[in-house]
Amino acid sequence: MLRMISVTPAGDGWTVSAEPFDNEMLFFSGAKAESAARRMGRTIAKGGETAEISIFLRDGSLAARFVCPAIDGVADERAI
């Protein structure tokens, strides 16, 4: 199963949202939001599921997309 994680602008800050969680995380810094999204992606990958992180700019355009492939226990964690 592919888990989607999004970093989107929210007022003066940024939100990180992820399936299947209902609550979003709010950050004042885009860099901190991206870092949290990447940590979440690594955690999901360590749990055996693939995560896709999409980072959006303030104008709504896609700035970056990262995929954290599921780790099967043998793979090297440094790859994500």
Protein backbone atom coordinates (compact mmCIF):
# COMPACT_ATOMS: atom_id res chain seq x y z
CA MET A 1 0.00 0.00 0.00
CA LEU A 2 1.26 3.48 -0.87
CA ARG A 3 0.95 6.07 1.92
CA MET A 4 0.68 9.68 0.76
CA ILE A 5 2.29 12.49 2.78
CA SER A 6 1.78 16.14 1.77
CA VAL A 7 3.48 19.38 2.79
CA THR A 8 1.23 22.32 1.92
CA PRO A 9 1.09 26.03 2.76
CA ALA A 10 -1.33 27.09 5.48
CA GLY A 11 -1.59 30.80 6.20
CA ASP A 12 1.82 31.92 7.48
CA GLY A 13 2.96 28.34 8.05
CA TRP A 14 2.99 24.86 6.57
CA THR A 15 1.02 21.69 7.25
CA VAL A 16 2.05 18.06 7.01
CA SER A 17 -0.77 15.64 6.42
CA ALA A 18 -0.64 11.90 5.90
CA GLU A 19 -3.00 9.04 5.22
CA PRO A 20 -4.69 7.64 7.30
CA PHE A 21 -4.14 10.23 10.05
CA ASP A 22 -6.91 12.78 10.63
CA ASN A 23 -4.76 15.41 12.35
CA GLU A 24 -2.37 17.64 10.46
CA MET A 25 0.89 18.94 11.91
CA LEU A 26 1.49 22.69 11.67
CA PHE A 27 4.93 24.27 11.27
CA PHE A 28 6.10 27.87 10.94
CA SER A 29 9.03 26.79 8.76
CA GLY A 30 8.74 24.97 5.44
CA ALA A 31 12.10 23.30 6.11
CA LYS A 32 10.85 21.91 9.44
CA ALA A 33 7.67 20.66 7.77
CA GLU A 34 9.69 18.92 5.04
CA SER A 35 11.98 17.36 7.64
CA ALA A 36 8.99 16.03 9.59
CA ALA A 37 7.46 14.62 6.39
CA ARG A 38 10.72 12.83 5.54
CA ARG A 39 10.94 11.36 9.06
CA MET A 40 7.36 10.17 8.75
CA GLY A 41 8.17 8.63 5.36
CA ARG A 42 11.16 6.77 6.81
CA THR A 43 9.03 5.49 9.69
CA ILE A 44 6.37 4.21 7.30
CA ALA A 45 9.06 2.58 5.12
CA LYS A 46 10.58 0.85 8.15
CA GLY A 47 7.10 -0.52 8.87
CA GLY A 48 7.08 -2.24 5.48
CA GLU A 49 4.97 0.21 3.46
CA THR A 50 5.98 2.64 0.72
CA ALA A 51 5.47 6.37 1.31
CA GLU A 52 5.30 9.17 -1.24
CA ILE A 53 6.02 12.71 -0.04
CA SER A 54 4.72 15.65 -2.10
CA ILE A 55 5.88 19.17 -1.26
CA PHE A 56 3.86 22.08 -2.63
CA LEU A 57 4.83 25.74 -3.01
CA ARG A 58 2.68 28.65 -1.84
CA ASP A 59 1.26 29.05 -5.37
CA GLY A 60 0.03 25.43 -5.26
CA SER A 61 2.57 24.01 -7.69
CA LEU A 62 4.48 20.82 -6.90
CA ALA A 63 8.00 21.65 -5.73
CA ALA A 64 9.29 18.14 -5.06
CA ARG A 65 8.25 14.52 -4.76
CA PHE A 66 10.11 11.83 -2.84
CA VAL A 67 9.43 8.13 -2.54
CA CYS A 68 10.46 6.13 0.52
CA PRO A 69 10.36 2.48 -0.55
CA ALA A 70 9.29 -0.15 1.94
CA ILE A 71 12.22 -1.67 3.82
CA ASP A 72 12.18 -5.44 3.94
CA GLY A 73 14.61 -5.73 6.83
CA VAL A 74 17.61 -6.40 4.59
CA ALA A 75 17.68 -3.15 2.62
CA ASP A 76 20.04 -0.35 3.59
CA GLU A 77 18.19 2.42 5.46
CA ARG A 78 20.58 5.03 4.06
CA ALA A 79 18.78 4.66 0.71
CA ILE A 80 15.83 6.64 2.05
